[in-house]
Every structure is written in structure tokens, then in C-alpha cells.
Amino acid sequence: MARDALERLEATIAARRDADAGTSYVASLHAKGLDHILKKVGEEAVEAVIASKSGDRSEVIRETADLWFHCLVMLSHHGITVAEVLGELERREGRSGIDEKNSRKGNAP
């Protein structure tokens, strides 16, 4: 179900990417370029951290949703799909985070 919601949002972002930037937030983000998209991802990440520190559950949910949305816009810019990211998470499933990090190029002990 969550995967479906992410894929529906991905489809909406794709449909709006080349729309009129004056009427579509997604189009306006893409029109401003990658640096602007990355700035928004960073801002939303900070807001999610601040919400988490406040302990307000509803605010954490809202700010995390904003962060995920902007991450999906970033992925759209790069032509990376939700399925690719979920595939990477599935590949890591059941594996220690320490082992995963150490297996990456340049991180081997």
C-alpha cells in the first residue's frame, strides 16, 4: 500500500514536471534547477529534525511527508524511480547497516 502511494505521487510529479511553472509547484521546482531542488530537500530535512526534537508527533509526520515529497522531486530530476530506491532498500533487507556501509567502495576495513 505504501509503495502504491509513493508510485502514485511519483506519477503525479512526472505529470506536473513540465507543466506551467506559474501553476505547478513541481514545475516551478524543476524550472529553477537542481540547486533549488536540493536547497528545498535540505530545508525540509532540517525542519523534520526540528520537528523530531520538539516531540510533536503530528509535526514530525507532516515534515517527513514534506521531506519525502521533495526527495521524490530530486529523484525525478535525476530520472531515478521509486522502484529503484525501494529495490536498493530490499537488497539491504536483513543485512547489518555496518556490513552494508563497509561493503561500499572505499569503505572496506
PDB file of N, CA and C in Angstrom:
ATOM      1  N   MET A   1       0.822  -1.183   0.000  1.00  0.00           N
ATOM      2  CA  MET A   1       0.000   0.000   0.000  1.00  0.00           C
ATOM      3  C   MET A   1       0.879   1.263   0.000  1.00  0.00           C
ATOM      4  N   ALA A   2       1.888   1.316   0.866  1.00  0.00           N
ATOM      5  CA  ALA A   2       2.767   2.487   0.905  1.00  0.00           C
ATOM      6  C   ALA A   2       3.509   2.640  -0.409  1.00  0.00           C
ATOM      7  N   ARG A   3       3.929   1.512  -0.974  1.00  0.00           N
ATOM      8  CA  ARG A   3       4.614   1.568  -2.269  1.00  0.00           C
ATOM      9  C   ARG A   3       3.696   2.170  -3.320  1.00  0.00           C
ATOM     10  N   ASP A   4       2.422   1.780  -3.307  1.00  0.00           N
ATOM     11  CA  ASP A   4       1.451   2.329  -4.256  1.00  0.00           C
ATOM     12  C   ASP A   4       1.324   3.841  -4.102  1.00  0.00           C
ATOM     13  N   ALA A   5       1.278   4.317  -2.869  1.00  0.00           N
ATOM     14  CA  ALA A   5       1.152   5.757  -2.626  1.00  0.00           C
ATOM     15  C   ALA A   5       2.379   6.495  -3.159  1.00  0.00           C
ATOM     16  N   LEU A   6       3.562   5.951  -2.918  1.00  0.00           N
ATOM     17  CA  LEU A   6       4.779   6.572  -3.435  1.00  0.00           C
ATOM     18  C   LEU A   6       4.788   6.579  -4.960  1.00  0.00           C
ATOM     19  N   GLU A   7       4.344   5.478  -5.562  1.00  0.00           N
ATOM     20  CA  GLU A   7       4.326   5.402  -7.028  1.00  0.00           C
ATOM     21  C   GLU A   7       3.272   6.333  -7.620  1.00  0.00           C
ATOM     22  N   ARG A   8       2.140   6.512  -6.938  1.00  0.00           N
ATOM     23  CA  ARG A   8       1.132   7.476  -7.406  1.00  0.00           C
ATOM     24  C   ARG A   8       1.691   8.894  -7.328  1.00  0.00           C
ATOM     25  N   LEU A   9       2.371   9.206  -6.236  1.00  0.00           N
ATOM     26  CA  LEU A   9       2.978  10.525  -6.099  1.00  0.00           C
ATOM     27  C   LEU A   9       4.063  10.722  -7.155  1.00  0.00           C
ATOM     28  N   GLU A  10       4.838   9.702  -7.408  1.00  0.00           N
ATOM     29  CA  GLU A  10       5.858   9.761  -8.458  1.00  0.00           C
ATOM     30  C   GLU A  10       5.209  10.070  -9.817  1.00  0.00           C
ATOM     31  N   ALA A  11       4.091   9.433 -10.109  1.00  0.00           N
ATOM     32  CA  ALA A  11       3.386   9.668 -11.375  1.00  0.00           C
ATOM     33  C   ALA A  11       2.850  11.102 -11.440  1.00  0.00           C
ATOM     34  N   THR A  12       2.349  11.603 -10.327  1.00  0.00           N
ATOM     35  CA  THR A  12       1.854  12.983 -10.289  1.00  0.00           C
ATOM     36  C   THR A  12       2.997  13.958 -10.529  1.00  0.00           C
ATOM     37  N   ILE A  13       4.134  13.724  -9.896  1.00  0.00           N
ATOM     38  CA  ILE A  13       5.308  14.579 -10.095  1.00  0.00           C
ATOM     39  C   ILE A  13       5.733  14.547 -11.554  1.00  0.00           C
ATOM     40  N   ALA A  14       5.762  13.370 -12.158  1.00  0.00           N
ATOM     41  CA  ALA A  14       6.143  13.247 -13.571  1.00  0.00           C
ATOM     42  C   ALA A  14       5.170  14.006 -14.469  1.00  0.00           C
ATOM     43  N   ALA A  15       3.891  13.914 -14.157  1.00  0.00           N
ATOM     44  CA  ALA A  15       2.875  14.595 -14.971  1.00  0.00           C
ATOM     45  C   ALA A  15       2.967  16.112 -14.858  1.00  0.00           C
ATOM     46  N   ARG A  16       3.415  16.589 -13.730  1.00  0.00           N
ATOM     47  CA  ARG A  16       3.453  18.039 -13.500  1.00  0.00           C
ATOM     48  C   ARG A  16       4.823  18.654 -13.772  1.00  0.00           C
ATOM     49  N   ARG A  17       5.805  17.841 -13.992  1.00  0.00           N
ATOM     50  CA  ARG A  17       7.179  18.324 -14.156  1.00  0.00           C
ATOM     51  C   ARG A  17       7.307  19.402 -15.233  1.00  0.00           C
ATOM     52  N   ASP A  18       6.655  19.209 -16.358  1.00  0.00           N
ATOM     53  CA  ASP A  18       6.774  20.143 -17.471  1.00  0.00           C
ATOM     54  C   ASP A  18       5.551  21.045 -17.629  1.00  0.00           C
ATOM     55  N   ALA A  19       4.742  21.124 -16.586  1.00  0.00           N
ATOM     56  CA  ALA A  19       3.566  21.989 -16.617  1.00  0.00           C
ATOM     57  C   ALA A  19       4.011  23.455 -16.524  1.00  0.00           C
ATOM     58  N   ASP A  20       3.050  24.335 -16.517  1.00  0.00           N
ATOM     59  CA  ASP A  20       3.319  25.764 -16.352  1.00  0.00           C
ATOM     60  C   ASP A  20       3.849  26.010 -14.944  1.00  0.00           C
ATOM     61  N   ALA A  21       5.063  26.564 -14.863  1.00  0.00           N
ATOM     62  CA  ALA A  21       5.688  26.816 -13.561  1.00  0.00           C
ATOM     63  C   ALA A  21       4.895  27.816 -12.734  1.00  0.00           C
ATOM     64  N   GLY A  22       4.028  28.591 -13.375  1.00  0.00           N
ATOM     65  CA  GLY A  22       3.195  29.541 -12.639  1.00  0.00           C
ATOM     66  C   GLY A  22       2.018  28.890 -11.951  1.00  0.00           C
ATOM     67  N   THR A  23       1.672  27.678 -12.361  1.00  0.00           N
ATOM     68  CA  THR A  23       0.516  26.999 -11.770  1.00  0.00           C
ATOM     69  C   THR A  23       0.869  25.680 -11.091  1.00  0.00           C
ATOM     70  N   SER A  24       2.105  25.220 -11.239  1.00  0.00           N
ATOM     71  CA  SER A  24       2.503  23.937 -10.650  1.00  0.00           C
ATOM     72  C   SER A  24       3.764  24.111  -9.814  1.00  0.00           C
ATOM     73  N   TYR A  25       3.671  23.733  -8.540  1.00  0.00           N
ATOM     74  CA  TYR A  25       4.831  23.805  -7.652  1.00  0.00           C
ATOM     75  C   TYR A  25       5.944  22.891  -8.148  1.00  0.00           C
ATOM     76  N   VAL A  26       5.583  21.689  -8.581  1.00  0.00           N
ATOM     77  CA  VAL A  26       6.584  20.742  -9.106  1.00  0.00           C
ATOM     78  C   VAL A  26       7.298  21.347 -10.306  1.00  0.00           C
ATOM     79  N   ALA A  27       6.543  21.906 -11.234  1.00  0.00           N
ATOM     80  CA  ALA A  27       7.149  22.520 -12.416  1.00  0.00           C
ATOM     81  C   ALA A  27       8.040  23.686 -12.025  1.00  0.00           C
ATOM     82  N   SER A  28       7.621  24.456 -11.032  1.00  0.00           N
ATOM     83  CA  SER A  28       8.442  25.598 -10.608  1.00  0.00           C
ATOM     84  C   SER A  28       9.758  25.126  -9.991  1.00  0.00           C
ATOM     85  N   LEU A  29       9.725  24.048  -9.244  1.00  0.00           N
ATOM     86  CA  LEU A  29      10.960  23.496  -8.686  1.00  0.00           C
ATOM     87  C   LEU A  29      11.905  23.062  -9.801  1.00  0.00           C
ATOM     88  N   HIS A  30      11.376  22.316 -10.766  1.00  0.00           N
ATOM     89  CA  HIS A  30      12.204  21.842 -11.880  1.00  0.00           C
ATOM     90  C   HIS A  30      12.723  23.006 -12.716  1.00  0.00           C
ATOM     91  N   ALA A  31      11.899  24.025 -12.913  1.00  0.00           N
ATOM     92  CA  ALA A  31      12.318  25.178 -13.713  1.00  0.00           C
ATOM     93  C   ALA A  31      13.482  25.915 -13.055  1.00  0.00           C
ATOM     94  N   LYS A  32      13.534  25.896 -11.734  1.00  0.00           N
ATOM     95  CA  LYS A  32      14.607  26.588 -11.005  1.00  0.00           C
ATOM     96  C   LYS A  32      15.888  25.764 -10.936  1.00  0.00           C
ATOM     97  N   GLY A  33      15.801  24.479 -11.279  1.00  0.00           N
ATOM     98  CA  GLY A  33      17.006  23.661 -11.386  1.00  0.00           C
ATOM     99  C   GLY A  33      17.357  22.849 -10.144  1.00  0.00           C
ATOM    100  N   LEU A  34      18.384  22.043 -10.326  1.00  0.00           N
ATOM    101  CA  LEU A  34      18.793  21.103  -9.286  1.00  0.00           C
ATOM    102  C   LEU A  34      19.206  21.799  -7.997  1.00  0.00           C
ATOM    103  N   ASP A  35      19.968  22.877  -8.088  1.00  0.00           N
ATOM    104  CA  ASP A  35      20.408  23.545  -6.861  1.00  0.00           C
ATOM    105  C   ASP A  35      19.220  23.985  -6.011  1.00  0.00           C
ATOM    106  N   HIS A  36      18.179  24.487  -6.644  1.00  0.00           N
ATOM    107  CA  HIS A  36      16.985  24.905  -5.900  1.00  0.00           C
ATOM    108  C   HIS A  36      16.282  23.694  -5.283  1.00  0.00           C
ATOM    109  N   ILE A  37      16.184  22.625  -6.049  1.00  0.00           N
ATOM    110  CA  ILE A  37      15.563  21.392  -5.525  1.00  0.00           C
ATOM    111  C   ILE A  37      16.346  20.897  -4.310  1.00  0.00           C
ATOM    112  N   LEU A  38      17.662  20.884  -4.418  1.00  0.00           N
ATOM    113  CA  LEU A  38      18.497  20.407  -3.309  1.00  0.00           C
ATOM    114  C   LEU A  38      18.380  21.318  -2.090  1.00  0.00           C
ATOM    115  N   LYS A  39      18.247  22.605  -2.319  1.00  0.00           N
ATOM    116  CA  LYS A  39      18.039  23.545  -1.216  1.00  0.00           C
ATOM    117  C   LYS A  39      16.754  23.200  -0.482  1.00  0.00           C
ATOM    118  N   LYS A  40      15.692  22.899  -1.233  1.00  0.00           N
ATOM    119  CA  LYS A  40      14.409  22.533  -0.620  1.00  0.00           C
ATOM    120  C   LYS A  40      14.534  21.217   0.152  1.00  0.00           C
ATOM    121  N   VAL A  41      15.258  20.247  -0.396  1.00  0.00           N
ATOM    122  CA  VAL A  41      15.466  18.980   0.323  1.00  0.00           C
ATOM    123  C   VAL A  41      16.168  19.265   1.648  1.00  0.00           C
ATOM    124  N   GLY A  42      17.206  20.084   1.607  1.00  0.00           N
ATOM    125  CA  GLY A  42      17.931  20.426   2.826  1.00  0.00           C
ATOM    126  C   GLY A  42      17.058  21.142   3.843  1.00  0.00           C
ATOM    127  N   GLU A  43      16.276  22.106   3.374  1.00  0.00           N
ATOM    128  CA  GLU A  43      15.378  22.841   4.276  1.00  0.00           C
ATOM    129  C   GLU A  43      14.382  21.896   4.934  1.00  0.00           C
ATOM    130  N   GLU A  44      13.816  21.002   4.136  1.00  0.00           N
ATOM    131  CA  GLU A  44      12.821  20.070   4.682  1.00  0.00           C
ATOM    132  C   GLU A  44      13.464  19.081   5.648  1.00  0.00           C
ATOM    133  N   ALA A  45      14.699  18.684   5.378  1.00  0.00           N
ATOM    134  CA  ALA A  45      15.401  17.785   6.300  1.00  0.00           C
ATOM    135  C   ALA A  45      15.609  18.469   7.651  1.00  0.00           C
ATOM    136  N   VAL A  46      16.019  19.725   7.621  1.00  0.00           N
ATOM    137  CA  VAL A  46      16.214  20.486   8.862  1.00  0.00           C
ATOM    138  C   VAL A  46      14.883  20.628   9.600  1.00  0.00           C
ATOM    139  N   GLU A  47      13.821  20.920   8.872  1.00  0.00           N
ATOM    140  CA  GLU A  47      12.504  21.066   9.506  1.00  0.00           C
ATOM    141  C   GLU A  47      12.046  19.750  10.132  1.00  0.00           C
ATOM    142  N   ALA A  48      12.351  18.632   9.492  1.00  0.00           N
ATOM    143  CA  ALA A  48      11.994  17.322  10.057  1.00  0.00           C
ATOM    144  C   ALA A  48      12.780  17.066  11.336  1.00  0.00           C
ATOM    145  N   VAL A  49      14.042  17.445  11.351  1.00  0.00           N
ATOM    146  CA  VAL A  49      14.867  17.279  12.547  1.00  0.00           C
ATOM    147  C   VAL A  49      14.327  18.143  13.684  1.00  0.00           C
ATOM    148  N   ILE A  50      14.000  19.385  13.390  1.00  0.00           N
ATOM    149  CA  ILE A  50      13.466  20.288  14.412  1.00  0.00           C
ATOM    150  C   ILE A  50      12.141  19.753  14.952  1.00  0.00           C
ATOM    151  N   ALA A  51      11.295  19.258  14.062  1.00  0.00           N
ATOM    152  CA  ALA A  51      10.012  18.685  14.499  1.00  0.00           C
ATOM    153  C   ALA A  51      10.254  17.479  15.407  1.00  0.00           C
ATOM    154  N   SER A  52      11.225  16.670  15.051  1.00  0.00           N
ATOM    155  CA  SER A  52      11.536  15.497  15.863  1.00  0.00           C
ATOM    156  C   SER A  52      12.022  15.900  17.252  1.00  0.00           C
ATOM    157  N   LYS A  53      12.870  16.916  17.298  1.00  0.00           N
ATOM    158  CA  LYS A  53      13.364  17.397  18.590  1.00  0.00           C
ATOM    159  C   LYS A  53      12.225  17.949  19.446  1.00  0.00           C
ATOM    160  N   SER A  54      11.209  18.525  18.808  1.00  0.00           N
ATOM    161  CA  SER A  54      10.090  19.099  19.564  1.00  0.00           C
ATOM    162  C   SER A  54       9.211  18.014  20.169  1.00  0.00           C
ATOM    163  N   GLY A  55       9.253  16.831  19.573  1.00  0.00           N
ATOM    164  CA  GLY A  55       8.447  15.729  20.082  1.00  0.00           C
ATOM    165  C   GLY A  55       6.993  15.770  19.651  1.00  0.00           C
ATOM    166  N   ASP A  56       6.633  16.701  18.782  1.00  0.00           N
ATOM    167  CA  ASP A  56       5.254  16.808  18.309  1.00  0.00           C
ATOM    168  C   ASP A  56       5.039  15.803  17.180  1.00  0.00           C
ATOM    169  N   ARG A  57       4.370  14.720  17.495  1.00  0.00           N
ATOM    170  CA  ARG A  57       4.181  13.606  16.551  1.00  0.00           C
ATOM    171  C   ARG A  57       3.568  14.059  15.223  1.00  0.00           C
ATOM    172  N   SER A  58       2.532  14.870  15.272  1.00  0.00           N
ATOM    173  CA  SER A  58       1.867  15.335  14.050  1.00  0.00           C
ATOM    174  C   SER A  58       2.814  16.160  13.188  1.00  0.00           C
ATOM    175  N   GLU A  59       3.605  16.989  13.850  1.00  0.00           N
ATOM    176  CA  GLU A  59       4.557  17.827  13.114  1.00  0.00           C
ATOM    177  C   GLU A  59       5.657  16.973  12.482  1.00  0.00           C
ATOM    178  N   VAL A  60       6.109  15.946  13.181  1.00  0.00           N
ATOM    179  CA  VAL A  60       7.110  15.030  12.617  1.00  0.00           C
ATOM    180  C   VAL A  60       6.552  14.364  11.360  1.00  0.00           C
ATOM    181  N   ILE A  61       5.317  13.939  11.417  1.00  0.00           N
ATOM    182  CA  ILE A  61       4.683  13.295  10.257  1.00  0.00           C
ATOM    183  C   ILE A  61       4.594  14.275   9.088  1.00  0.00           C
ATOM    184  N   ARG A  62       4.107  15.476   9.352  1.00  0.00           N
ATOM    185  CA  ARG A  62       3.967  16.475   8.283  1.00  0.00           C
ATOM    186  C   ARG A  62       5.315  16.844   7.668  1.00  0.00           C
ATOM    187  N   GLU A  63       6.308  17.083   8.496  1.00  0.00           N
ATOM    188  CA  GLU A  63       7.614  17.484   7.974  1.00  0.00           C
ATOM    189  C   GLU A  63       8.306  16.339   7.237  1.00  0.00           C
ATOM    190  N   THR A  64       8.103  15.115   7.699  1.00  0.00           N
ATOM    191  CA  THR A  64       8.669  13.966   6.990  1.00  0.00           C
ATOM    192  C   THR A  64       7.994  13.799   5.635  1.00  0.00           C
ATOM    193  N   ALA A  65       6.691  14.023   5.580  1.00  0.00           N
ATOM    194  CA  ALA A  65       5.985  13.967   4.295  1.00  0.00           C
ATOM    195  C   ALA A  65       6.541  15.015   3.339  1.00  0.00           C
ATOM    196  N   ASP A  66       6.790  16.229   3.848  1.00  0.00           N
ATOM    197  CA  ASP A  66       7.386  17.279   3.014  1.00  0.00           C
ATOM    198  C   ASP A  66       8.771  16.863   2.517  1.00  0.00           C
ATOM    199  N   LEU A  67       9.564  16.277   3.399  1.00  0.00           N
ATOM    200  CA  LEU A  67      10.912  15.827   3.017  1.00  0.00           C
ATOM    201  C   LEU A  67      10.837  14.746   1.945  1.00  0.00           C
ATOM    202  N   TRP A  68       9.981  13.769   2.144  1.00  0.00           N
ATOM    203  CA  TRP A  68       9.850  12.699   1.154  1.00  0.00           C
ATOM    204  C   TRP A  68       9.401  13.248  -0.190  1.00  0.00           C
ATOM    205  N   PHE A  69       8.437  14.176  -0.170  1.00  0.00           N
ATOM    206  CA  PHE A  69       7.965  14.775  -1.412  1.00  0.00           C
ATOM    207  C   PHE A  69       9.130  15.430  -2.159  1.00  0.00           C
ATOM    208  N   HIS A  70       9.898  16.243  -1.457  1.00  0.00           N
ATOM    209  CA  HIS A  70      10.996  16.938  -2.121  1.00  0.00           C
ATOM    210  C   HIS A  70      12.092  15.967  -2.567  1.00  0.00           C
ATOM    211  N   CYS A  71      12.285  14.885  -1.831  1.00  0.00           N
ATOM    212  CA  CYS A  71      13.226  13.848  -2.281  1.00  0.00           C
ATOM    213  C   CYS A  71      12.729  13.205  -3.576  1.00  0.00           C
ATOM    214  N   LEU A  72      11.418  13.005  -3.691  1.00  0.00           N
ATOM    215  CA  LEU A  72      10.866  12.449  -4.929  1.00  0.00           C
ATOM    216  C   LEU A  72      11.054  13.413  -6.095  1.00  0.00           C
ATOM    217  N   VAL A  73      10.941  14.705  -5.853  1.00  0.00           N
ATOM    218  CA  VAL A  73      11.208  15.695  -6.900  1.00  0.00           C
ATOM    219  C   VAL A  73      12.679  15.614  -7.312  1.00  0.00           C
ATOM    220  N   MET A  74      13.583  15.475  -6.339  1.00  0.00           N
ATOM    221  CA  MET A  74      15.008  15.328  -6.627  1.00  0.00           C
ATOM    222  C   MET A  74      15.259  14.075  -7.471  1.00  0.00           C
ATOM    223  N   LEU A  75      14.656  12.966  -7.078  1.00  0.00           N
ATOM    224  CA  LEU A  75      14.813  11.731  -7.849  1.00  0.00           C
ATOM    225  C   LEU A  75      14.303  11.916  -9.270  1.00  0.00           C
ATOM    226  N   SER A  76      13.170  12.617  -9.408  1.00  0.00           N
ATOM    227  CA  SER A  76      12.608  12.894 -10.726  1.00  0.00           C
ATOM    228  C   SER A  76      13.614  13.653 -11.588  1.00  0.00           C
ATOM    229  N   HIS A  77      14.286  14.616 -10.988  1.00  0.00           N
ATOM    230  CA  HIS A  77      15.294  15.390 -11.728  1.00  0.00           C
ATOM    231  C   HIS A  77      16.361  14.467 -12.313  1.00  0.00           C
ATOM    232  N   HIS A  78      16.726  13.449 -11.559  1.00  0.00           N
ATOM    233  CA  HIS A  78      17.783  12.523 -11.978  1.00  0.00           C
ATOM    234  C   HIS A  78      17.261  11.341 -12.809  1.00  0.00           C
ATOM    235  N   GLY A  79      15.949  11.258 -12.973  1.00  0.00           N
ATOM    236  CA  GLY A  79      15.380  10.136 -13.711  1.00  0.00           C
ATOM    237  C   GLY A  79      15.451   8.829 -12.937  1.00  0.00           C
ATOM    238  N   ILE A  80      15.476   8.928 -11.620  1.00  0.00           N
ATOM    239  CA  ILE A  80      15.524   7.749 -10.750  1.00  0.00           C
ATOM    240  C   ILE A  80      14.116   7.472 -10.254  1.00  0.00           C
ATOM    241  N   THR A  81      13.705   6.215 -10.315  1.00  0.00           N
ATOM    242  CA  THR A  81      12.345   5.848  -9.935  1.00  0.00           C
ATOM    243  C   THR A  81      12.258   5.383  -8.481  1.00  0.00           C
ATOM    244  N   VAL A  82      11.050   5.459  -7.963  1.00  0.00           N
ATOM    245  CA  VAL A  82      10.756   4.920  -6.635  1.00  0.00           C
ATOM    246  C   VAL A  82      11.132   3.446  -6.593  1.00  0.00           C
ATOM    247  N   ALA A  83      10.832   2.721  -7.653  1.00  0.00           N
ATOM    248  CA  ALA A  83      11.136   1.288  -7.700  1.00  0.00           C
ATOM    249  C   ALA A  83      12.632   1.028  -7.532  1.00  0.00           C
ATOM    250  N   GLU A  84      13.454   1.891  -8.106  1.00  0.00           N
ATOM    251  CA  GLU A  84      14.906   1.711  -7.964  1.00  0.00           C
ATOM    252  C   GLU A  84      15.354   1.901  -6.519  1.00  0.00           C
ATOM    253  N   VAL A  85      14.821   2.911  -5.852  1.00  0.00           N
ATOM    254  CA  VAL A  85      15.191   3.158  -4.463  1.00  0.00           C
ATOM    255  C   VAL A  85      14.663   2.048  -3.565  1.00  0.00           C
ATOM    256  N   LEU A  86      13.418   1.645  -3.788  1.00  0.00           N
ATOM    257  CA  LEU A  86      12.857   0.544  -2.998  1.00  0.00           C
ATOM    258  C   LEU A  86      13.620  -0.756  -3.254  1.00  0.00           C
ATOM    259  N   GLY A  87      14.067  -0.950  -4.488  1.00  0.00           N
ATOM    260  CA  GLY A  87      14.885  -2.121  -4.799  1.00  0.00           C
ATOM    261  C   GLY A  87      16.182  -2.135  -4.011  1.00  0.00           C
ATOM    262  N   GLU A  88      16.783  -0.967  -3.862  1.00  0.00           N
ATOM    263  CA  GLU A  88      18.013  -0.865  -3.066  1.00  0.00           C
ATOM    264  C   GLU A  88      17.736  -1.173  -1.594  1.00  0.00           C
ATOM    265  N   LEU A  89      16.612  -0.671  -1.079  1.00  0.00           N
ATOM    266  CA  LEU A  89      16.255  -0.992   0.306  1.00  0.00           C
ATOM    267  C   LEU A  89      15.989  -2.485   0.476  1.00  0.00           C
ATOM    268  N   GLU A  90      15.324  -3.088  -0.496  1.00  0.00           N
ATOM    269  CA  GLU A  90      15.066  -4.530  -0.444  1.00  0.00           C
ATOM    270  C   GLU A  90      16.378  -5.310  -0.496  1.00  0.00           C
ATOM    271  N   ARG A  91      17.334  -4.834  -1.291  1.00  0.00           N
ATOM    272  CA  ARG A  91      18.629  -5.502  -1.386  1.00  0.00           C
ATOM    273  C   ARG A  91      19.328  -5.503  -0.025  1.00  0.00           C
ATOM    274  N   ARG A  92      19.133  -4.438   0.727  1.00  0.00           N
ATOM    275  CA  ARG A  92      19.783  -4.304   2.034  1.00  0.00           C
ATOM    276  C   ARG A  92      19.041  -5.020   3.156  1.00  0.00           C
ATOM    277  N   GLU A  93      17.814  -5.423   2.902  1.00  0.00           N
ATOM    278  CA  GLU A  93      16.980  -6.019   3.938  1.00  0.00           C
ATOM    279  C   GLU A  93      17.664  -7.223   4.576  1.00  0.00           C
ATOM    280  N   GLY A  94      17.636  -7.250   5.901  1.00  0.00           N
ATOM    281  CA  GLY A  94      18.214  -8.368   6.633  1.00  0.00           C
ATOM    282  C   GLY A  94      19.728  -8.288   6.780  1.00  0.00           C
ATOM    283  N   ARG A  95      20.297  -7.198   6.335  1.00  0.00           N
ATOM    284  CA  ARG A  95      21.751  -7.032   6.387  1.00  0.00           C
ATOM    285  C   ARG A  95      22.087  -5.954   7.420  1.00  0.00           C
ATOM    286  N   SER A  96      23.128  -6.174   8.160  1.00  0.00           N
ATOM    287  CA  SER A  96      23.572  -5.186   9.135  1.00  0.00           C
ATOM    288  C   SER A  96      23.931  -3.885   8.439  1.00  0.00           C
ATOM    289  N   GLY A  97      23.525  -2.782   9.016  1.00  0.00           N
ATOM    290  CA  GLY A  97      23.882  -1.475   8.474  1.00  0.00           C
ATOM    291  C   GLY A  97      25.382  -1.265   8.447  1.00  0.00           C
ATOM    292  N   ILE A  98      26.070  -1.795   9.440  1.00  0.00           N
ATOM    293  CA  ILE A  98      27.532  -1.682   9.473  1.00  0.00           C
ATOM    294  C   ILE A  98      28.142  -2.473   8.325  1.00  0.00           C
ATOM    295  N   ASP A  99      27.658  -3.703   8.099  1.00  0.00           N
ATOM    296  CA  ASP A  99      28.162  -4.512   6.982  1.00  0.00           C
ATOM    297  C   ASP A  99      27.878  -3.830   5.650  1.00  0.00           C
ATOM    298  N   GLU A 100      26.681  -3.252   5.507  1.00  0.00           N
ATOM    299  CA  GLU A 100      26.320  -2.569   4.263  1.00  0.00           C
ATOM    300  C   GLU A 100      27.262  -1.408   4.006  1.00  0.00           C
ATOM    301  N   LYS A 101      27.482  -0.597   5.009  1.00  0.00           N
ATOM    302  CA  LYS A 101      28.367   0.567   4.844  1.00  0.00           C
ATOM    303  C   LYS A 101      29.782   0.120   4.504  1.00  0.00           C
ATOM    304  N   ASN A 102      30.257  -0.912   5.162  1.00  0.00           N
ATOM    305  CA  ASN A 102      31.610  -1.388   4.919  1.00  0.00           C
ATOM    306  C   ASN A 102      31.771  -2.017   3.528  1.00  0.00           C
ATOM    307  N   SER A 103      30.667  -2.483   2.942  1.00  0.00           N
ATOM    308  CA  SER A 103      30.745  -3.112   1.616  1.00  0.00           C
ATOM    309  C   SER A 103      30.839  -2.109   0.479  1.00  0.00           C
ATOM    310  N   ARG A 104      30.543  -0.843   0.769  1.00  0.00           N
ATOM    311  CA  ARG A 104      30.583   0.182  -0.281  1.00  0.00           C
ATOM    312  C   ARG A 104      32.021   0.493  -0.652  1.00  0.00           C
ATOM    313  N   LYS A 105      32.208   0.810  -1.890  1.00  0.00           N
ATOM    314  CA  LYS A 105      33.534   1.119  -2.419  1.00  0.00           C
ATOM    315  C   LYS A 105      34.249   2.140  -1.540  1.00  0.00           C
ATOM    316  N   GLY A 106      35.458   1.834  -1.155  1.00  0.00           N
ATOM    317  CA  GLY A 106      36.250   2.748  -0.350  1.00  0.00           C
ATOM    318  C   GLY A 106      35.977   2.682   1.133  1.00  0.00           C
ATOM    319  N   ASN A 107      35.027   1.851   1.569  1.00  0.00           N
ATOM    320  CA  ASN A 107      34.720   1.755   2.993  1.00  0.00           C
ATOM    321  C   ASN A 107      35.086   0.414   3.589  1.00  0.00           C
ATOM    322  N   ALA A 108      35.710  -0.445   2.815  1.00  0.00           N
ATOM    323  CA  ALA A 108      36.067  -1.753   3.327  1.00  0.00           C
ATOM    324  C   ALA A 108      37.146  -1.601   4.408  1.00  0.00           C
ATOM    325  N   PRO A 109      37.099  -2.451   5.454  1.00  0.00           N
ATOM    326  CA  PRO A 109      38.093  -2.343   6.534  1.00  0.00           C
ATOM    327  C   PRO A 109      39.488  -2.674   6.069  1.00  0.00           C
TER     328      PRO A 109
END
